[in-house]
PDB file of N, CA and C in Angstrom:
ATOM      1  N   MET A   1     104.648  91.565  82.099  1.00  0.00           N
ATOM      2  CA  MET A   1     103.838  92.114  83.178  1.00  0.00           C
ATOM      3  C   MET A   1     104.748  92.490  84.347  1.00  0.00           C
ATOM      4  N   ASN A   2     104.566  93.692  84.863  1.00  0.00           N
ATOM      5  CA  ASN A   2     105.309  94.106  86.050  1.00  0.00           C
ATOM      6  C   ASN A   2     104.702  93.433  87.271  1.00  0.00           C
ATOM      7  N   THR A   3     105.557  92.820  88.111  1.00  0.00           N
ATOM      8  CA  THR A   3     105.092  92.179  89.328  1.00  0.00           C
ATOM      9  C   THR A   3     105.124  93.195  90.457  1.00  0.00           C
ATOM     10  N   LEU A   4     103.997  93.370  91.116  1.00  0.00           N
ATOM     11  CA  LEU A   4     103.912  94.345  92.197  1.00  0.00           C
ATOM     12  C   LEU A   4     104.317  93.710  93.519  1.00  0.00           C
ATOM     13  N   THR A   5     105.409  94.205  94.055  1.00  0.00           N
ATOM     14  CA  THR A   5     105.860  93.891  95.403  1.00  0.00           C
ATOM     15  C   THR A   5     106.222  95.220  96.037  1.00  0.00           C
ATOM     16  N   ILE A   6     106.355  95.228  97.346  1.00  0.00           N
ATOM     17  CA  ILE A   6     106.776  96.464  98.008  1.00  0.00           C
ATOM     18  C   ILE A   6     108.158  96.873  97.510  1.00  0.00           C
ATOM     19  N   GLN A   7     109.051  95.900  97.321  1.00  0.00           N
ATOM     20  CA  GLN A   7     110.396  96.209  96.846  1.00  0.00           C
ATOM     21  C   GLN A   7     110.363  96.813  95.440  1.00  0.00           C
ATOM     22  N   ALA A   8     109.552  96.241  94.546  1.00  0.00           N
ATOM     23  CA  ALA A   8     109.448  96.770  93.187  1.00  0.00           C
ATOM     24  C   ALA A   8     108.819  98.162  93.195  1.00  0.00           C
ATOM     25  N   LEU A   9     107.805  98.356  94.032  1.00  0.00           N
ATOM     26  CA  LEU A   9     107.167  99.660  94.167  1.00  0.00           C
ATOM     27  C   LEU A   9     108.173 100.686  94.683  1.00  0.00           C
ATOM     28  N   ARG A  10     108.939 100.317  95.692  1.00  0.00           N
ATOM     29  CA  ARG A  10     109.961 101.213  96.250  1.00  0.00           C
ATOM     30  C   ARG A  10     110.985 101.607  95.173  1.00  0.00           C
ATOM     31  N   ARG A  11     111.476 100.628  94.418  1.00  0.00           N
ATOM     32  CA  ARG A  11     112.467 100.930  93.370  1.00  0.00           C
ATOM     33  C   ARG A  11     111.894 101.917  92.354  1.00  0.00           C
ATOM     34  N   ALA A  12     110.669 101.675  91.908  1.00  0.00           N
ATOM     35  CA  ALA A  12     110.061 102.548  90.899  1.00  0.00           C
ATOM     36  C   ALA A  12     109.809 103.947  91.445  1.00  0.00           C
ATOM     37  N   ILE A  13     109.305 104.042  92.670  1.00  0.00           N
ATOM     38  CA  ILE A  13     109.032 105.355  93.267  1.00  0.00           C
ATOM     39  C   ILE A  13     110.320 106.115  93.497  1.00  0.00           C
ATOM     40  N   GLU A  14     111.290 105.484  94.131  1.00  0.00           N
ATOM     41  CA  GLU A  14     112.518 106.192  94.505  1.00  0.00           C
ATOM     42  C   GLU A  14     113.379 106.552  93.299  1.00  0.00           C
ATOM     43  N   SER A  15     113.253 105.820  92.187  1.00  0.00           N
ATOM     44  CA  SER A  15     114.006 106.158  90.978  1.00  0.00           C
ATOM     45  C   SER A  15     113.184 107.019  90.011  1.00  0.00           C
ATOM     46  N   ARG A  16     111.960 107.375  90.433  1.00  0.00           N
ATOM     47  CA  ARG A  16     111.065 108.214  89.633  1.00  0.00           C
ATOM     48  C   ARG A  16     110.806 107.592  88.269  1.00  0.00           C
ATOM     49  N   ASP A  17     110.508 106.298  88.262  1.00  0.00           N
ATOM     50  CA  ASP A  17     110.283 105.528  87.045  1.00  0.00           C
ATOM     51  C   ASP A  17     108.782 105.441  86.758  1.00  0.00           C
ATOM     52  N   GLY A  18     108.255 106.487  86.121  1.00  0.00           N
ATOM     53  CA  GLY A  18     106.832 106.570  85.830  1.00  0.00           C
ATOM     54  C   GLY A  18     106.290 105.422  84.995  1.00  0.00           C
ATOM     55  N   PRO A  19     106.972 105.012  83.919  1.00  0.00           N
ATOM     56  CA  PRO A  19     106.449 103.897  83.120  1.00  0.00           C
ATOM     57  C   PRO A  19     106.294 102.606  83.931  1.00  0.00           C
ATOM     58  N   THR A  20     107.246 102.305  84.797  1.00  0.00           N
ATOM     59  CA  THR A  20     107.124 101.106  85.627  1.00  0.00           C
ATOM     60  C   THR A  20     105.966 101.257  86.597  1.00  0.00           C
ATOM     61  N   LEU A  21     105.840 102.420  87.228  1.00  0.00           N
ATOM     62  CA  LEU A  21     104.719 102.652  88.149  1.00  0.00           C
ATOM     63  C   LEU A  21     103.390 102.452  87.433  1.00  0.00           C
ATOM     64  N   ALA A  22     103.233 103.049  86.271  1.00  0.00           N
ATOM     65  CA  ALA A  22     101.974 102.932  85.528  1.00  0.00           C
ATOM     66  C   ALA A  22     101.690 101.480  85.146  1.00  0.00           C
ATOM     67  N   GLY A  23     102.733 100.712  84.896  1.00  0.00           N
ATOM     68  CA  GLY A  23     102.569  99.310  84.537  1.00  0.00           C
ATOM     69  C   GLY A  23     102.014  98.449  85.652  1.00  0.00           C
ATOM     70  N   PHE A  24     102.033  98.946  86.876  1.00  0.00           N
ATOM     71  CA  PHE A  24     101.483  98.200  88.014  1.00  0.00           C
ATOM     72  C   PHE A  24      99.954  98.284  88.086  1.00  0.00           C
ATOM     73  N   TYR A  25      99.314  99.117  87.258  1.00  0.00           N
ATOM     74  CA  TYR A  25      97.874  99.381  87.341  1.00  0.00           C
ATOM     75  C   TYR A  25      97.084  98.586  86.314  1.00  0.00           C
ATOM     76  N   THR A  26      95.844  98.235  86.680  1.00  0.00           N
ATOM     77  CA  THR A  26      94.931  97.623  85.726  1.00  0.00           C
ATOM     78  C   THR A  26      94.501  98.685  84.710  1.00  0.00           C
ATOM     79  N   ASP A  27      93.972  98.239  83.576  1.00  0.00           N
ATOM     80  CA  ASP A  27      93.539  99.180  82.535  1.00  0.00           C
ATOM     81  C   ASP A  27      92.480 100.153  83.041  1.00  0.00           C
ATOM     82  N   ASP A  28      91.608  99.692  83.949  1.00  0.00           N
ATOM     83  CA  ASP A  28      90.504 100.531  84.443  1.00  0.00           C
ATOM     84  C   ASP A  28      90.713 101.001  85.883  1.00  0.00           C
ATOM     85  N   ALA A  29      91.963 101.094  86.305  1.00  0.00           N
ATOM     86  CA  ALA A  29      92.286 101.479  87.685  1.00  0.00           C
ATOM     87  C   ALA A  29      91.763 102.877  88.022  1.00  0.00           C
ATOM     88  N   LEU A  30      91.596 103.109  89.322  1.00  0.00           N
ATOM     89  CA  LEU A  30      91.191 104.412  89.837  1.00  0.00           C
ATOM     90  C   LEU A  30      92.218 104.857  90.875  1.00  0.00           C
ATOM     91  N   LEU A  31      92.778 106.044  90.669  1.00  0.00           N
ATOM     92  CA  LEU A  31      93.683 106.671  91.631  1.00  0.00           C
ATOM     93  C   LEU A  31      92.928 107.848  92.232  1.00  0.00           C
ATOM     94  N   ARG A  32      92.704 107.801  93.535  1.00  0.00           N
ATOM     95  CA  ARG A  32      91.963 108.839  94.256  1.00  0.00           C
ATOM     96  C   ARG A  32      92.953 109.568  95.167  1.00  0.00           C
ATOM     97  N   ILE A  33      92.990 110.911  95.062  1.00  0.00           N
ATOM     98  CA  ILE A  33      93.922 111.725  95.840  1.00  0.00           C
ATOM     99  C   ILE A  33      93.135 112.690  96.721  1.00  0.00           C
ATOM    100  N   VAL A  34      93.469 112.679  98.019  1.00  0.00           N
ATOM    101  CA  VAL A  34      92.888 113.617  98.983  1.00  0.00           C
ATOM    102  C   VAL A  34      94.033 114.470  99.520  1.00  0.00           C
ATOM    103  N   ASP A  35      93.872 115.795  99.408  1.00  0.00           N
ATOM    104  CA  ASP A  35      94.869 116.734  99.934  1.00  0.00           C
ATOM    105  C   ASP A  35      94.191 118.071 100.181  1.00  0.00           C
ATOM    106  N   GLN A  36      94.977 119.120 100.412  1.00  0.00           N
ATOM    107  CA  GLN A  36      94.383 120.415 100.741  1.00  0.00           C
ATOM    108  C   GLN A  36      93.555 120.997  99.599  1.00  0.00           C
ATOM    109  N   ASP A  37      93.843 120.615  98.361  1.00  0.00           N
ATOM    110  CA  ASP A  37      93.075 121.099  97.217  1.00  0.00           C
ATOM    111  C   ASP A  37      91.929 120.167  96.831  1.00  0.00           C
ATOM    112  N   ASN A  38      91.961 118.956  97.338  1.00  0.00           N
ATOM    113  CA  ASN A  38      90.981 117.935  96.982  1.00  0.00           C
ATOM    114  C   ASN A  38      90.492 117.258  98.257  1.00  0.00           C
ATOM    115  N   PRO A  39      89.480 117.848  98.933  1.00  0.00           N
ATOM    116  CA  PRO A  39      89.018 117.326 100.217  1.00  0.00           C
ATOM    117  C   PRO A  39      88.297 115.982 100.063  1.00  0.00           C
ATOM    118  N   PRO A  40      88.067 115.278 101.143  1.00  0.00           N
ATOM    119  CA  PRO A  40      87.412 113.969 101.073  1.00  0.00           C
ATOM    120  C   PRO A  40      86.069 113.982 100.340  1.00  0.00           C
ATOM    121  N   SER A  41      85.336 115.089 100.425  1.00  0.00           N
ATOM    122  CA  SER A  41      84.039 115.149  99.746  1.00  0.00           C
ATOM    123  C   SER A  41      84.188 115.351  98.237  1.00  0.00           C
ATOM    124  N   ARG A  42      85.363 115.784  97.772  1.00  0.00           N
ATOM    125  CA  ARG A  42      85.628 116.014  96.357  1.00  0.00           C
ATOM    126  C   ARG A  42      87.066 115.618  96.019  1.00  0.00           C
ATOM    127  N   PRO A  43      87.421 114.333  96.201  1.00  0.00           N
ATOM    128  CA  PRO A  43      88.801 113.934  95.910  1.00  0.00           C
ATOM    129  C   PRO A  43      89.096 114.046  94.415  1.00  0.00           C
ATOM    130  N   ARG A  44      90.359 114.189  94.096  1.00  0.00           N
ATOM    131  CA  ARG A  44      90.773 114.130  92.694  1.00  0.00           C
ATOM    132  C   ARG A  44      90.731 112.660  92.288  1.00  0.00           C
ATOM    133  N   GLU A  45      90.065 112.363  91.180  1.00  0.00           N
ATOM    134  CA  GLU A  45      89.983 110.986  90.707  1.00  0.00           C
ATOM    135  C   GLU A  45      90.590 110.900  89.318  1.00  0.00           C
ATOM    136  N   ILE A  46      91.584 110.042  89.200  1.00  0.00           N
ATOM    137  CA  ILE A  46      92.265 109.812  87.936  1.00  0.00           C
ATOM    138  C   ILE A  46      91.896 108.394  87.518  1.00  0.00           C
ATOM    139  N   LYS A  47      91.215 108.279  86.374  1.00  0.00           N
ATOM    140  CA  LYS A  47      90.636 106.996  85.976  1.00  0.00           C
ATOM    141  C   LYS A  47      91.327 106.436  84.736  1.00  0.00           C
ATOM    142  N   GLY A  48      91.709 105.171  84.837  1.00  0.00           N
ATOM    143  CA  GLY A  48      92.296 104.458  83.712  1.00  0.00           C
ATOM    144  C   GLY A  48      93.813 104.580  83.662  1.00  0.00           C
ATOM    145  N   ARG A  49      94.441 103.523  83.163  1.00  0.00           N
ATOM    146  CA  ARG A  49      95.907 103.494  83.134  1.00  0.00           C
ATOM    147  C   ARG A  49      96.493 104.627  82.288  1.00  0.00           C
ATOM    148  N   GLU A  50      95.835 105.008  81.205  1.00  0.00           N
ATOM    149  CA  GLU A  50      96.366 106.083  80.359  1.00  0.00           C
ATOM    150  C   GLU A  50      96.460 107.394  81.147  1.00  0.00           C
ATOM    151  N   ALA A  51      95.407 107.751  81.864  1.00  0.00           N
ATOM    152  CA  ALA A  51      95.409 108.980  82.669  1.00  0.00           C
ATOM    153  C   ALA A  51      96.394 108.863  83.834  1.00  0.00           C
ATOM    154  N   ILE A  52      96.491 107.678  84.427  1.00  0.00           N
ATOM    155  CA  ILE A  52      97.433 107.457  85.529  1.00  0.00           C
ATOM    156  C   ILE A  52      98.865 107.575  85.015  1.00  0.00           C
ATOM    157  N   THR A  53      99.120 107.086  83.797  1.00  0.00           N
ATOM    158  CA  THR A  53     100.448 107.225  83.186  1.00  0.00           C
ATOM    159  C   THR A  53     100.804 108.697  83.037  1.00  0.00           C
ATOM    160  N   ALA A  54      99.875 109.516  82.561  1.00  0.00           N
ATOM    161  CA  ALA A  54     100.126 110.960  82.411  1.00  0.00           C
ATOM    162  C   ALA A  54     100.415 111.596  83.767  1.00  0.00           C
ATOM    163  N   TYR A  55      99.688 111.173  84.803  1.00  0.00           N
ATOM    164  CA  TYR A  55      99.922 111.698  86.156  1.00  0.00           C
ATOM    165  C   TYR A  55     101.338 111.366  86.615  1.00  0.00           C
ATOM    166  N   PHE A  56     101.761 110.114  86.455  1.00  0.00           N
ATOM    167  CA  PHE A  56     103.111 109.736  86.886  1.00  0.00           C
ATOM    168  C   PHE A  56     104.191 110.377  86.023  1.00  0.00           C
ATOM    169  N   ASP A  57     103.916 110.601  84.733  1.00  0.00           N
ATOM    170  CA  ASP A  57     104.877 111.324  83.898  1.00  0.00           C
ATOM    171  C   ASP A  57     105.141 112.706  84.484  1.00  0.00           C
ATOM    172  N   ASP A  58     104.074 113.368  84.942  1.00  0.00           N
ATOM    173  CA  ASP A  58     104.218 114.691  85.553  1.00  0.00           C
ATOM    174  C   ASP A  58     104.972 114.603  86.880  1.00  0.00           C
ATOM    175  N   VAL A  59     104.513 113.764  87.782  1.00  0.00           N
ATOM    176  CA  VAL A  59     105.112 113.682  89.119  1.00  0.00           C
ATOM    177  C   VAL A  59     106.573 113.224  89.039  1.00  0.00           C
ATOM    178  N   CYS A  60     106.842 112.207  88.252  1.00  0.00           N
ATOM    179  CA  CYS A  60     108.203 111.670  88.169  1.00  0.00           C
ATOM    180  C   CYS A  60     109.129 112.593  87.398  1.00  0.00           C
ATOM    181  N   GLY A  61     108.574 113.514  86.621  1.00  0.00           N
ATOM    182  CA  GLY A  61     109.382 114.472  85.883  1.00  0.00           C
ATOM    183  C   GLY A  61     109.823 115.669  86.714  1.00  0.00           C
ATOM    184  N   ARG A  62     109.305 115.787  87.916  1.00  0.00           N
ATOM    185  CA  ARG A  62     109.668 116.905  88.793  1.00  0.00           C
ATOM    186  C   ARG A  62     111.000 116.621  89.491  1.00  0.00           C
ATOM    187  N   THR A  63     111.768 117.673  89.687  1.00  0.00           N
ATOM    188  CA  THR A  63     113.024 117.538  90.408  1.00  0.00           C
ATOM    189  C   THR A  63     112.714 117.490  91.896  1.00  0.00           C
ATOM    190  N   MET A  64     112.695 116.277  92.428  1.00  0.00           N
ATOM    191  CA  MET A  64     112.433 116.068  93.843  1.00  0.00           C
ATOM    192  C   MET A  64     112.853 114.650  94.200  1.00  0.00           C
ATOM    193  N   THR A  65     113.026 114.407  95.477  1.00  0.00           N
ATOM    194  CA  THR A  65     113.350 113.057  95.923  1.00  0.00           C
ATOM    195  C   THR A  65     112.090 112.407  96.484  1.00  0.00           C
ATOM    196  N   HIS A  66     112.009 111.112  96.299  1.00  0.00           N
ATOM    197  CA  HIS A  66     110.904 110.308  96.817  1.00  0.00           C
ATOM    198  C   HIS A  66     111.513 109.176  97.638  1.00  0.00           C
ATOM    199  N   ARG A  67     110.969 108.935  98.813  1.00  0.00           N
ATOM    200  CA  ARG A  67     111.468 107.852  99.659  1.00  0.00           C
ATOM    201  C   ARG A  67     110.287 107.104 100.268  1.00  0.00           C
ATOM    202  N   VAL A  68     110.228 105.804 100.020  1.00  0.00           N
ATOM    203  CA  VAL A  68     109.213 104.969 100.649  1.00  0.00           C
ATOM    204  C   VAL A  68     109.736 104.634 102.033  1.00  0.00           C
ATOM    205  N   GLU A  69     108.990 105.046 103.043  1.00  0.00           N
ATOM    206  CA  GLU A  69     109.443 104.851 104.424  1.00  0.00           C
ATOM    207  C   GLU A  69     108.931 103.559 105.034  1.00  0.00           C
ATOM    208  N   PHE A  70     107.750 103.124 104.608  1.00  0.00           N
ATOM    209  CA  PHE A  70     107.107 101.971 105.231  1.00  0.00           C
ATOM    210  C   PHE A  70     106.221 101.305 104.191  1.00  0.00           C
ATOM    211  N   GLY A  71     106.150 100.012 104.214  1.00  0.00           N
ATOM    212  CA  GLY A  71     105.245  99.304 103.326  1.00  0.00           C
ATOM    213  C   GLY A  71     104.839  97.971 103.920  1.00  0.00           C
ATOM    214  N   ILE A  72     103.610  97.578 103.652  1.00  0.00           N
ATOM    215  CA  ILE A  72     103.108  96.296 104.139  1.00  0.00           C
ATOM    216  C   ILE A  72     102.126  95.749 103.103  1.00  0.00           C
ATOM    217  N   ALA A  73     102.198  94.454 102.891  1.00  0.00           N
ATOM    218  CA  ALA A  73     101.287  93.798 101.956  1.00  0.00           C
ATOM    219  C   ALA A  73     100.642  92.610 102.644  1.00  0.00           C
ATOM    220  N   GLU A  74      99.345  92.433 102.360  1.00  0.00           N
ATOM    221  CA  GLU A  74      98.619  91.280 102.889  1.00  0.00           C
ATOM    222  C   GLU A  74      97.512  90.937 101.911  1.00  0.00           C
ATOM    223  N   GLY A  75      97.603  89.761 101.322  1.00  0.00           N
ATOM    224  CA  GLY A  75      96.587  89.347 100.367  1.00  0.00           C
ATOM    225  C   GLY A  75      96.496  90.313  99.209  1.00  0.00           C
ATOM    226  N   ASP A  76      95.297  90.831  98.951  1.00  0.00           N
ATOM    227  CA  ASP A  76      95.094  91.746  97.833  1.00  0.00           C
ATOM    228  C   ASP A  76      95.097  93.216  98.273  1.00  0.00           C
ATOM    229  N   ARG A  77      95.823  93.501  99.339  1.00  0.00           N
ATOM    230  CA  ARG A  77      95.953  94.873  99.847  1.00  0.00           C
ATOM    231  C   ARG A  77      97.427  95.196 100.089  1.00  0.00           C
ATOM    232  N   LEU A  78      97.766  96.443  99.843  1.00  0.00           N
ATOM    233  CA  LEU A  78      99.128  96.923 100.077  1.00  0.00           C
ATOM    234  C   LEU A  78      99.006  98.354 100.580  1.00  0.00           C
ATOM    235  N   ALA A  79      99.821  98.730 101.539  1.00  0.00           N
ATOM    236  CA  ALA A  79      99.825 100.106 102.055  1.00  0.00           C
ATOM    237  C   ALA A  79     101.269 100.553 102.216  1.00  0.00           C
ATOM    238  N   PHE A  80     101.489 101.845 102.024  1.00  0.00           N
ATOM    239  CA  PHE A  80     102.843 102.380 102.203  1.00  0.00           C
ATOM    240  C   PHE A  80     102.781 103.871 102.524  1.00  0.00           C
ATOM    241  N   THR A  81     103.872 104.380 103.072  1.00  0.00           N
ATOM    242  CA  THR A  81     104.028 105.814 103.274  1.00  0.00           C
ATOM    243  C   THR A  81     105.223 106.278 102.460  1.00  0.00           C
ATOM    244  N   GLN A  82     105.149 107.529 102.039  1.00  0.00           N
ATOM    245  CA  GLN A  82     106.167 108.094 101.164  1.00  0.00           C
ATOM    246  C   GLN A  82     106.469 109.519 101.597  1.00  0.00           C
ATOM    247  N   ALA A  83     107.749 109.866 101.645  1.00  0.00           N
ATOM    248  CA  ALA A  83     108.174 111.226 101.954  1.00  0.00           C
ATOM    249  C   ALA A  83     108.889 111.786 100.726  1.00  0.00           C
ATOM    250  N   CYS A  84     108.519 112.998 100.349  1.00  0.00           N
ATOM    251  CA  CYS A  84     109.109 113.645  99.175  1.00  0.00           C
ATOM    252  C   CYS A  84     109.671 114.998  99.586  1.00  0.00           C
ATOM    253  N   THR A  85     110.750 115.398  98.932  1.00  0.00           N
ATOM    254  CA  THR A  85     111.364 116.689  99.214  1.00  0.00           C
ATOM    255  C   THR A  85     111.719 117.380  97.902  1.00  0.00           C
ATOM    256  N   TYR A  86     111.274 118.634  97.774  1.00  0.00           N
ATOM    257  CA  TYR A  86     111.639 119.466  96.632  1.00  0.00           C
ATOM    258  C   TYR A  86     113.006 120.106  96.905  1.00  0.00           C
ATOM    259  N   PRO A  87     113.712 120.557  95.865  1.00  0.00           N
ATOM    260  CA  PRO A  87     115.028 121.176  96.063  1.00  0.00           C
ATOM    261  C   PRO A  87     115.014 122.385  97.003  1.00  0.00           C
ATOM    262  N   ASP A  88     113.876 123.098  97.089  1.00  0.00           N
ATOM    263  CA  ASP A  88     113.798 124.272  97.971  1.00  0.00           C
ATOM    264  C   ASP A  88     113.542 123.890  99.428  1.00  0.00           C
ATOM    265  N   GLY A  89     113.447 122.573  99.703  1.00  0.00           N
ATOM    266  CA  GLY A  89     113.241 122.105 101.072  1.00  0.00           C
ATOM    267  C   GLY A  89     111.793 121.807 101.410  1.00  0.00           C
ATOM    268  N   ASN A  90     110.839 122.225 100.586  1.00  0.00           N
ATOM    269  CA  ASN A  90     109.431 121.906 100.855  1.00  0.00           C
ATOM    270  C   ASN A  90     109.220 120.404 100.775  1.00  0.00           C
ATOM    271  N   ARG A  91     108.347 119.923 101.649  1.00  0.00           N
ATOM    272  CA  ARG A  91     108.122 118.487 101.756  1.00  0.00           C
ATOM    273  C   ARG A  91     106.672 118.123 101.530  1.00  0.00           C
ATOM    274  N   VAL A  92     106.491 116.877 101.117  1.00  0.00           N
ATOM    275  CA  VAL A  92     105.173 116.283 100.932  1.00  0.00           C
ATOM    276  C   VAL A  92     105.217 114.920 101.609  1.00  0.00           C
ATOM    277  N   PHE A  93     104.156 114.579 102.332  1.00  0.00           N
ATOM    278  CA  PHE A  93     104.048 113.246 102.931  1.00  0.00           C
ATOM    279  C   PHE A  93     102.789 112.605 102.377  1.00  0.00           C
ATOM    280  N   CYS A  94     102.886 111.320 102.039  1.00  0.00           N
ATOM    281  CA  CYS A  94     101.759 110.607 101.458  1.00  0.00           C
ATOM    282  C   CYS A  94     101.577 109.267 102.159  1.00  0.00           C
ATOM    283  N   SER A  95     100.339 108.945 102.465  1.00  0.00           N
ATOM    284  CA  SER A  95      99.966 107.632 102.967  1.00  0.00           C
ATOM    285  C   SER A  95      99.025 107.031 101.925  1.00  0.00           C
ATOM    286  N   ALA A  96      99.337 105.808 101.466  1.00  0.00           N
ATOM    287  CA  ALA A  96      98.573 105.219 100.380  1.00  0.00           C
ATOM    288  C   ALA A  96      98.072 103.827 100.736  1.00  0.00           C
ATOM    289  N   ALA A  97      96.866 103.525 100.254  1.00  0.00           N
ATOM    290  CA  ALA A  97      96.271 102.195 100.402  1.00  0.00           C
ATOM    291  C   ALA A  97      95.897 101.708  99.007  1.00  0.00           C
ATOM    292  N   LEU A  98      96.310 100.491  98.680  1.00  0.00           N
ATOM    293  CA  LEU A  98      96.085  99.928  97.357  1.00  0.00           C
ATOM    294  C   LEU A  98      95.233  98.672  97.445  1.00  0.00           C
ATOM    295  N   GLU A  99      94.316  98.520  96.511  1.00  0.00           N
ATOM    296  CA  GLU A  99      93.536  97.297  96.361  1.00  0.00           C
ATOM    297  C   GLU A  99      93.985  96.651  95.052  1.00  0.00           C
ATOM    298  N   LEU A 100      94.333  95.374  95.121  1.00  0.00           N
ATOM    299  CA  LEU A 100      94.877  94.673  93.968  1.00  0.00           C
ATOM    300  C   LEU A 100      93.849  93.730  93.354  1.00  0.00           C
ATOM    301  N   GLN A 101      93.962  93.557  92.039  1.00  0.00           N
ATOM    302  CA  GLN A 101      93.184  92.546  91.299  1.00  0.00           C
ATOM    303  C   GLN A 101      94.161  91.859  90.359  1.00  0.00           C
ATOM    304  N   GLY A 102      94.318  90.556  90.511  1.00  0.00           N
ATOM    305  CA  GLY A 102      95.231  89.830  89.642  1.00  0.00           C
ATOM    306  C   GLY A 102      96.663  90.317  89.743  1.00  0.00           C
ATOM    307  N   GLY A 103      97.057  90.803  90.919  1.00  0.00           N
ATOM    308  CA  GLY A 103      98.423  91.271  91.130  1.00  0.00           C
ATOM    309  C   GLY A 103      98.704  92.682  90.659  1.00  0.00           C
ATOM    310  N   LYS A 104      97.677  93.378  90.162  1.00  0.00           N
ATOM    311  CA  LYS A 104      97.845  94.767  89.721  1.00  0.00           C
ATOM    312  C   LYS A 104      96.959  95.683  90.561  1.00  0.00           C
ATOM    313  N   ILE A 105      97.276  96.960  90.560  1.00  0.00           N
ATOM    314  CA  ILE A 105      96.534  97.944  91.339  1.00  0.00           C
ATOM    315  C   ILE A 105      95.233  98.289  90.617  1.00  0.00           C
ATOM    316  N   ALA A 106      94.114  98.041  91.304  1.00  0.00           N
ATOM    317  CA  ALA A 106      92.804  98.398  90.761  1.00  0.00           C
ATOM    318  C   ALA A 106      92.290  99.699  91.379  1.00  0.00           C
ATOM    319  N   ARG A 107      92.579  99.902  92.660  1.00  0.00           N
ATOM    320  CA  ARG A 107      92.167 101.109  93.381  1.00  0.00           C
ATOM    321  C   ARG A 107      93.340 101.570  94.239  1.00  0.00           C
ATOM    322  N   HIS A 108      93.605 102.875  94.184  1.00  0.00           N
ATOM    323  CA  HIS A 108      94.714 103.476  94.939  1.00  0.00           C
ATOM    324  C   HIS A 108      94.166 104.753  95.555  1.00  0.00           C
ATOM    325  N   THR A 109      94.193 104.809  96.866  1.00  0.00           N
ATOM    326  CA  THR A 109      93.780 106.018  97.573  1.00  0.00           C
ATOM    327  C   THR A 109      95.010 106.606  98.256  1.00  0.00           C
ATOM    328  N   ALA A 110      95.292 107.875  97.962  1.00  0.00           N
ATOM    329  CA  ALA A 110      96.458 108.563  98.530  1.00  0.00           C
ATOM    330  C   ALA A 110      96.002 109.785  99.307  1.00  0.00           C
ATOM    331  N   ILE A 111      96.503 109.907 100.534  1.00  0.00           N
ATOM    332  CA  ILE A 111      96.257 111.086 101.364  1.00  0.00           C
ATOM    333  C   ILE A 111      97.585 111.829 101.439  1.00  0.00           C
ATOM    334  N   GLN A 112      97.592 113.097 101.002  1.00  0.00           N
ATOM    335  CA  GLN A 112      98.824 113.874 100.931  1.00  0.00           C
ATOM    336  C   GLN A 112      98.753 115.094 101.841  1.00  0.00           C
ATOM    337  N   ALA A 113      99.880 115.397 102.453  1.00  0.00           N
ATOM    338  CA  ALA A 113     100.021 116.637 103.231  1.00  0.00           C
ATOM    339  C   ALA A 113     101.249 117.371 102.703  1.00  0.00           C
ATOM    340  N   TRP A 114     101.073 118.670 102.433  1.00  0.00           N
ATOM    341  CA  TRP A 114     102.124 119.485 101.854  1.00  0.00           C
ATOM    342  C   TRP A 114     102.573 120.555 102.849  1.00  0.00           C
ATOM    343  N   ASP A 115     103.844 120.906 102.812  1.00  0.00           N
ATOM    344  CA  ASP A 115     104.294 122.075 103.553  1.00  0.00           C
ATOM    345  C   ASP A 115     103.547 123.300 103.024  1.00  0.00           C
ATOM    346  N   PRO A 116     103.275 124.254 103.916  1.00  0.00           N
ATOM    347  CA  PRO A 116     102.588 125.472 103.445  1.00  0.00           C
ATOM    348  C   PRO A 116     103.442 126.309 102.521  1.00  0.00           C
TER     349      PRO A 116
END
């Protein structure tokens, strides 16, 4: 079992390790994404570890850098911010809130802002 800590999350994100990231989720986890294409009234919802694994395979397979700038954990909640940069200089910023069950991510809400 992968142990979820901010340090472990940072290592997996910054090294683009999709399998480790997916291992932090419960089997029935929900990843909710809000961004310019998925407004709060219609967020993108990725349900279940299998679908979340496919999502991270895609994201971690992209040529870009990921940096966790801030993270805090308290009880069964964890929050962090992440800055990403594509080779062409375009940037993405993400603020995420996680709800944990048994030390794994059960609910993950991410708010993303992209360069135009």
